[in-house]
Protein backbone atom coordinates (compact mmCIF):
# COMPACT_ATOMS: atom_id res chain seq x y z
CA UNK A 1 -0.15 0.04 -0.15
CA UNK A 2 1.19 3.56 -1.36
CA UNK A 3 1.72 6.19 1.45
CA UNK A 4 -0.36 9.33 0.20
CA UNK A 5 2.23 11.70 2.33
CA UNK A 6 5.62 10.22 1.01
CA UNK A 7 4.60 7.68 -1.68
CA UNK A 8 6.41 5.13 0.70
CA UNK A 9 5.45 1.37 0.01
CA UNK A 10 3.78 -0.46 3.09
CA UNK A 11 2.56 -3.85 3.91
CA UNK A 12 -1.12 -4.82 2.85
CA UNK A 13 -3.04 -3.93 5.95
CA UNK A 14 -0.49 -1.53 7.34
CA UNK A 15 -2.33 1.39 9.48
CA UNK A 16 0.81 3.78 9.74
CA UNK A 17 3.31 4.33 7.29
CA UNK A 18 6.63 2.89 8.01
CA UNK A 19 8.67 5.97 6.31
CA UNK A 20 6.46 9.10 7.79
CA UNK A 21 4.33 7.75 10.46
CA UNK A 22 1.08 9.03 8.43
CA UNK A 23 -1.93 7.00 9.12
CA UNK A 24 -3.08 5.03 6.06
CA UNK A 25 -6.42 5.00 4.65
CA UNK A 26 -8.65 1.51 5.50
CA UNK A 27 -8.38 -1.09 2.43
CA UNK A 28 -11.12 -1.56 1.07
CA UNK A 29 -13.01 -4.98 1.28
CA UNK A 30 -12.78 -7.36 -2.05
CA UNK A 31 -16.26 -7.24 -4.01
CA UNK A 32 -18.62 -10.17 -3.41
CA UNK A 33 -19.41 -12.06 -0.58
CA UNK A 34 -19.77 -10.77 3.00
CA UNK A 35 -17.53 -7.95 2.19
CA UNK A 36 -20.11 -6.07 -0.74
CA UNK A 37 -20.45 -2.84 0.78
CA UNK A 38 -24.44 -1.39 0.58
CA UNK A 39 -25.22 1.37 -2.39
CA UNK A 40 -24.39 4.67 -1.06
CA UNK A 41 -27.39 7.06 -2.15
CA UNK A 42 -25.97 10.28 0.01
CA UNK A 43 -24.06 11.85 -3.12
CA UNK A 44 -23.66 15.43 -3.41
CA UNK A 45 -25.89 16.12 -6.22
CA UNK A 46 -29.23 14.94 -5.06
CA UNK A 47 -31.38 15.93 -2.00
CA UNK A 48 -30.31 14.38 1.24
CA UNK A 49 -34.01 14.19 2.86
CA UNK A 50 -36.61 11.78 2.12
CA UNK A 51 -40.44 13.44 2.06
CA UNK A 52 -43.22 10.66 3.44
CA UNK A 53 -44.54 9.84 6.72
CA UNK A 54 -43.94 6.69 9.10
CA UNK A 55 -45.78 3.56 7.32
CA UNK A 56 -45.57 5.27 4.09
CA UNK A 57 -43.11 5.43 1.23
CA UNK A 58 -41.07 8.05 1.33
CA UNK A 59 -39.61 9.58 -1.66
CA UNK A 60 -37.42 12.79 -3.36
CA UNK A 61 -37.24 14.47 -6.84
CA UNK A 62 -33.99 15.18 -8.30
CA UNK A 63 -32.94 16.61 -11.39
CA UNK A 64 -34.43 19.29 -13.66
CA UNK A 65 -34.83 18.45 -17.64
CA UNK A 66 -35.20 14.86 -17.00
CA UNK A 67 -36.07 14.23 -13.39
CA UNK A 68 -36.38 11.05 -11.65
CA UNK A 69 -38.20 10.03 -8.52
CA UNK A 70 -36.27 8.06 -5.87
CA UNK A 71 -38.72 5.83 -3.58
CA UNK A 72 -37.40 4.74 -0.13
CA UNK A 73 -38.99 1.42 0.94
CA UNK A 74 -39.23 -0.03 4.20
CA UNK A 75 -40.61 -3.83 4.89
CA UNK A 76 -44.48 -3.54 4.74
CA UNK A 77 -44.20 -0.69 2.21
CA UNK A 78 -45.24 -1.43 -1.62
CA UNK A 79 -45.24 0.48 -4.76
CA UNK A 80 -46.13 -0.75 -8.35
CA UNK A 81 -45.22 0.78 -11.86
CA UNK A 82 -46.04 -0.62 -15.29
CA UNK A 83 -43.87 -3.39 -16.25
CA UNK A 84 -40.44 -1.76 -17.46
CA UNK A 85 -40.83 1.54 -15.50
CA UNK A 86 -38.11 0.94 -13.27
CA UNK A 87 -34.54 2.64 -13.66
CA UNK A 88 -32.50 1.67 -11.04
CA UNK A 89 -32.87 -0.15 -7.54
CA UNK A 90 -30.83 -0.99 -4.55
CA UNK A 91 -29.98 -4.88 -4.39
CA UNK A 92 -31.98 -5.91 -1.50
CA UNK A 93 -35.79 -4.61 -3.49
CA UNK A 94 -37.77 -7.71 -4.50
CA UNK A 95 -39.93 -7.52 -7.84
CA UNK A 96 -43.45 -9.42 -8.53
CA UNK A 97 -45.11 -8.86 -11.76
CA UNK A 98 -48.48 -9.43 -12.27
CA UNK A 99 -51.92 -8.62 -14.08
CA UNK A 100 -53.21 -6.58 -11.45
CA UNK A 101 -56.73 -7.71 -11.18
CA UNK A 102 -57.15 -10.10 -14.23
CA UNK A 103 -57.77 -9.42 -17.85
CA UNK A 104 -60.30 -6.96 -17.79
CA UNK A 105 -58.07 -4.12 -16.17
CA UNK A 106 -54.85 -5.86 -18.40
CA UNK A 107 -57.27 -4.38 -21.24
CA UNK A 108 -58.32 -0.89 -19.50
CA UNK A 109 -54.59 -0.47 -18.62
CA UNK A 110 -53.35 -0.94 -22.33
CA UNK A 111 -55.97 1.17 -23.41
CA UNK A 112 -54.91 3.98 -21.10
CA UNK A 113 -51.33 3.76 -22.52
CA UNK A 114 -50.11 1.64 -20.15
CA UNK A 115 -48.63 -1.94 -20.17
CA UNK A 116 -50.22 -5.06 -19.86
CA UNK A 117 -48.88 -6.17 -16.52
CA UNK A 118 -47.49 -4.33 -13.48
CA UNK A 119 -44.51 -4.76 -11.14
CA UNK A 120 -44.42 -4.63 -7.66
CA UNK A 121 -41.51 -3.27 -5.30
CA UNK A 122 -41.06 -4.10 -2.06
CA UNK A 123 -38.29 -5.20 0.35
CA UNK A 124 -38.27 -8.18 3.17
CA UNK A 125 -35.50 -6.22 5.80
CA UNK A 126 -33.63 -3.27 5.82
CA UNK A 127 -34.10 -0.23 3.75
CA UNK A 128 -34.07 -0.14 -0.17
CA UNK A 129 -34.53 2.31 -3.07
CA UNK A 130 -36.14 2.30 -6.29
CA UNK A 131 -35.85 4.85 -8.94
CA UNK A 132 -38.30 5.92 -11.41
CA UNK A 133 -36.77 8.51 -14.29
CA UNK A 134 -38.95 10.34 -16.62
CA UNK A 135 -39.10 9.24 -20.53
CA UNK A 136 -39.42 12.85 -21.75
CA UNK A 137 -38.18 16.04 -20.79
CA UNK A 138 -40.84 17.39 -18.54
CA UNK A 139 -41.71 17.14 -14.53
CA UNK A 140 -43.01 14.53 -12.38
CA UNK A 141 -45.74 15.77 -10.20
CA UNK A 142 -46.36 13.98 -6.83
CA UNK A 143 -49.95 13.71 -5.52
CA UNK A 144 -50.95 13.07 -2.18
CA UNK A 145 -54.82 11.72 -2.52
CA UNK A 146 -56.94 11.09 0.11
CA UNK A 147 -59.08 8.09 0.14
CA UNK A 148 -61.59 8.28 -2.41
CA UNK A 149 -59.94 11.22 -4.09
CA UNK A 150 -59.28 11.16 -7.91
CA UNK A 151 -57.29 13.02 -10.50
CA UNK A 152 -57.71 12.75 -14.32
CA UNK A 153 -54.62 12.63 -16.28
CA UNK A 154 -53.91 12.21 -20.02
CA UNK A 155 -52.82 8.66 -21.29
CA UNK A 156 -49.58 7.40 -20.57
CA UNK A 157 -48.80 9.88 -17.42
CA UNK A 158 -48.85 7.38 -14.99
CA UNK A 159 -45.40 6.87 -13.52
CA UNK A 160 -45.83 4.63 -10.01
CA UNK A 161 -48.10 4.75 -7.16
CA UNK A 162 -48.62 3.43 -3.49
CA UNK A 163 -50.12 -0.15 -3.61
CA UNK A 164 -53.56 1.43 -1.87
CA UNK A 165 -53.68 3.90 -4.95
CA UNK A 166 -56.15 2.73 -7.97
CA UNK A 167 -54.99 3.44 -11.64
CA UNK A 168 -58.24 2.64 -13.97
CA UNK A 169 -59.11 3.84 -17.43
CA UNK A 170 -61.45 7.41 -17.82
CA UNK A 171 -63.72 7.57 -20.71
CA UNK A 172 -64.86 10.80 -21.86
CA UNK A 173 -68.86 10.54 -22.13
CA UNK A 174 -68.99 13.39 -24.61
CA UNK A 175 -68.78 12.59 -28.27
CA UNK A 176 -67.11 15.98 -29.10
CA UNK A 177 -64.48 15.84 -26.17
CA UNK A 178 -63.43 12.24 -27.26
CA UNK A 179 -63.50 13.10 -31.21
CA UNK A 180 -61.58 16.58 -31.00
CA UNK A 181 -60.10 16.92 -27.34
CA UNK A 182 -56.71 15.92 -28.68
CA UNK A 183 -56.32 12.83 -26.52
CA UNK A 184 -58.89 10.50 -27.69
CA UNK A 185 -61.40 9.04 -25.71
CA UNK A 186 -59.48 7.48 -22.91
CA UNK A 187 -57.59 9.28 -19.93
CA UNK A 188 -56.25 7.75 -16.60
CA UNK A 189 -58.23 8.19 -13.40
CA UNK A 190 -55.93 7.44 -10.75
CA UNK A 191 -57.81 7.05 -7.13
CA UNK A 192 -56.29 7.54 -3.60
CA UNK A 193 -55.51 6.98 -0.77
CA UNK A 194 -51.77 7.22 -0.91
CA UNK A 195 -48.87 8.85 -3.16
CA UNK A 196 -49.15 8.61 -6.84
CA UNK A 197 -46.48 10.16 -9.51
CA UNK A 198 -47.21 11.74 -13.09
CA UNK A 199 -44.91 12.78 -15.48
CA UNK A 200 -45.95 15.82 -17.77
CA UNK A 201 -44.02 16.73 -20.86
CA UNK A 202 -42.20 20.29 -20.57
CA UNK A 203 -42.79 22.81 -17.61
CA UNK A 204 -45.93 22.71 -15.79
CA UNK A 205 -48.41 25.40 -15.07
CA UNK A 206 -51.10 25.04 -12.34
CA UNK A 207 -54.18 26.79 -12.25
CA UNK A 208 -57.05 26.78 -9.21
CA UNK A 209 -60.20 27.39 -10.69
CA UNK A 210 -63.22 29.03 -9.10
CA UNK A 211 -66.58 27.55 -9.62
CA UNK A 212 -67.93 28.96 -12.79
CA UNK A 213 -64.22 29.67 -14.07
CA UNK A 214 -63.33 28.78 -17.47
CA UNK A 215 -59.89 28.49 -19.37
CA UNK A 216 -59.70 27.48 -23.10
CA UNK A 217 -56.56 25.57 -23.65
CA UNK A 218 -55.04 24.59 -27.05
CA UNK A 219 -55.55 20.56 -27.19
CA UNK A 220 -52.79 18.54 -26.01
CA UNK A 221 -51.57 20.90 -23.03
CA UNK A 222 -54.14 19.51 -20.61
CA UNK A 223 -51.85 17.31 -18.48
CA UNK A 224 -53.94 16.62 -15.30
CA UNK A 225 -57.21 17.69 -13.60
CA UNK A 226 -59.27 17.11 -10.43
CA UNK A 227 -62.24 15.09 -10.73
CA UNK A 228 -64.62 18.01 -10.14
CA UNK A 229 -63.32 19.85 -13.21
CA UNK A 230 -65.60 19.94 -16.08
CA UNK A 231 -63.88 19.27 -19.50
CA UNK A 232 -65.80 19.81 -22.95
CA UNK A 233 -64.26 20.99 -26.53
CA UNK A 234 -65.45 24.22 -28.03
CA UNK A 235 -65.43 25.24 -31.57
CA UNK A 236 -62.80 28.62 -32.50
CA UNK A 237 -65.22 31.37 -33.58
CA UNK A 238 -64.74 33.35 -36.58
CA UNK A 239 -64.02 32.38 -40.13
CA UNK A 240 -60.76 33.88 -40.29
CA UNK A 241 -59.35 32.47 -37.30
CA UNK A 242 -60.39 28.80 -38.24
CA UNK A 243 -58.93 29.31 -41.58
CA UNK A 244 -55.75 31.67 -40.90
CA UNK A 245 -54.86 31.48 -36.86
CA UNK A 246 -53.41 28.04 -37.01
CA UNK A 247 -54.80 26.70 -34.07
CA UNK A 248 -57.14 24.45 -35.34
CA UNK A 249 -60.65 24.28 -35.53
CA UNK A 250 -61.31 23.20 -31.58
CA UNK A 251 -60.22 24.22 -28.15
CA UNK A 252 -60.08 22.23 -24.87
CA UNK A 253 -62.40 23.98 -22.35
CA UNK A 254 -61.84 23.65 -18.67
CA UNK A 255 -64.24 24.87 -16.00
CA UNK A 256 -64.14 25.11 -12.35
CA UNK A 257 -64.46 24.40 -9.14
CA UNK A 258 -60.86 22.56 -8.98
CA UNK A 259 -57.34 22.69 -10.08
CA UNK A 260 -55.88 22.03 -13.64
CA UNK A 261 -52.26 21.48 -14.56
CA UNK A 262 -51.14 22.60 -18.22
CA UNK A 263 -47.90 21.56 -19.71
CA UNK A 264 -45.64 23.58 -22.11
CA UNK A 265 -44.70 21.05 -24.62
CA UNK A 266 -46.93 18.33 -25.75
CA UNK A 267 -45.13 15.05 -26.96
CA UNK A 268 -47.34 15.54 -30.12
CA UNK A 269 -46.66 18.69 -30.86
CA UNK A 270 -42.79 18.34 -30.59
CA UNK A 271 -43.27 15.49 -32.83
CA UNK A 272 -44.93 17.72 -35.31
CA UNK A 273 -42.23 19.89 -35.23
CA UNK A 274 -39.39 17.40 -35.76
CA UNK A 275 -41.48 16.11 -38.70
CA UNK A 276 -41.38 19.81 -40.50
CA UNK A 277 -37.34 18.77 -40.78
CA UNK A 278 -37.60 15.15 -41.90
CA UNK A 279 -37.88 14.51 -45.83
CA UNK A 280 -40.93 13.84 -47.02
CA UNK A 281 -41.68 12.05 -50.01
CA UNK A 282 -43.83 13.44 -52.97
CA UNK A 283 -47.36 13.95 -52.32
CA UNK A 284 -47.11 14.04 -48.70
CA UNK A 285 -49.21 16.83 -46.95
CA UNK A 286 -48.06 19.65 -44.85
CA UNK A 287 -47.46 19.78 -41.08
CA UNK A 288 -48.83 23.10 -40.09
CA UNK A 289 -52.12 24.73 -39.57
CA UNK A 290 -55.31 23.43 -40.78
CA UNK A 291 -57.77 21.29 -38.19
CA UNK A 292 -56.21 19.51 -35.48
CA UNK A 293 -57.92 16.26 -36.01
CA UNK A 294 -56.16 12.90 -36.59
CA UNK A 295 -58.72 10.52 -37.37
CA UNK A 296 -56.46 7.92 -37.42
CA UNK A 297 -55.79 8.45 -33.86
CA UNK A 298 -59.33 8.75 -32.36
CA UNK A 299 -59.27 6.02 -30.30
CA UNK A 300 -55.79 5.93 -28.97
CA UNK A 301 -55.05 9.63 -28.68
CA UNK A 302 -52.44 12.03 -29.05
């Protein structure tokens, strides 16, 4: 072992340098077997404190453009996500993949943009961490839902949640809303009690609408809303606005009471923007202006 002060070589395991007497650093145990060191999650670039209560999962949010939520689990605490949603986890975290309620629930999840199966994460002893990273530049929003409290989110927004939280399909009953709302007929309903995490595209802006207060939103920018918010689709007024405004034919209309969360960079709009710079074959259609109706994805959304 080389002394960090004078550079003299010493016997392996020596505590002091035989040349200058400097205290030598302790040798690291070899990897494998009982000498395996636990994962060090206390690094400088992350928040050191987890938010949560006794008997419930604790979490922290890190990152800016591509954030990640890290969940700390203790025995008896379970979190679930769609299959393939986990980014990394400590060695003592266990996984259990299952249908999550049978064939009917599997089909509903698939229609709302999630995978057929869900995966539970838990620990049998000690504390463990499991992380879920955003799939797209944006934000991760935590919701601490009371028993029976629901939020409605865009399809494929769900990331993970405590086991007590129910994630189900939400079907828009109004025909106009389903055809022209920008996200198809299907959304996701997340119901408490418990913590749930969703991801939105770009930055997020929150509005707390009072009873009767209305907000008109370009389709695709509505990321989430409380269940009390009324959602509909309105037609843009004025022939010039429709033909030359470039906003399409319809706008989403949300009316209070309740909170809404708007996203600044819908993935569908980003895809359209990128498509403008891709080579097109002859006979291709333009990518800007006109009616924002994609008849090929009415049921699938986006």
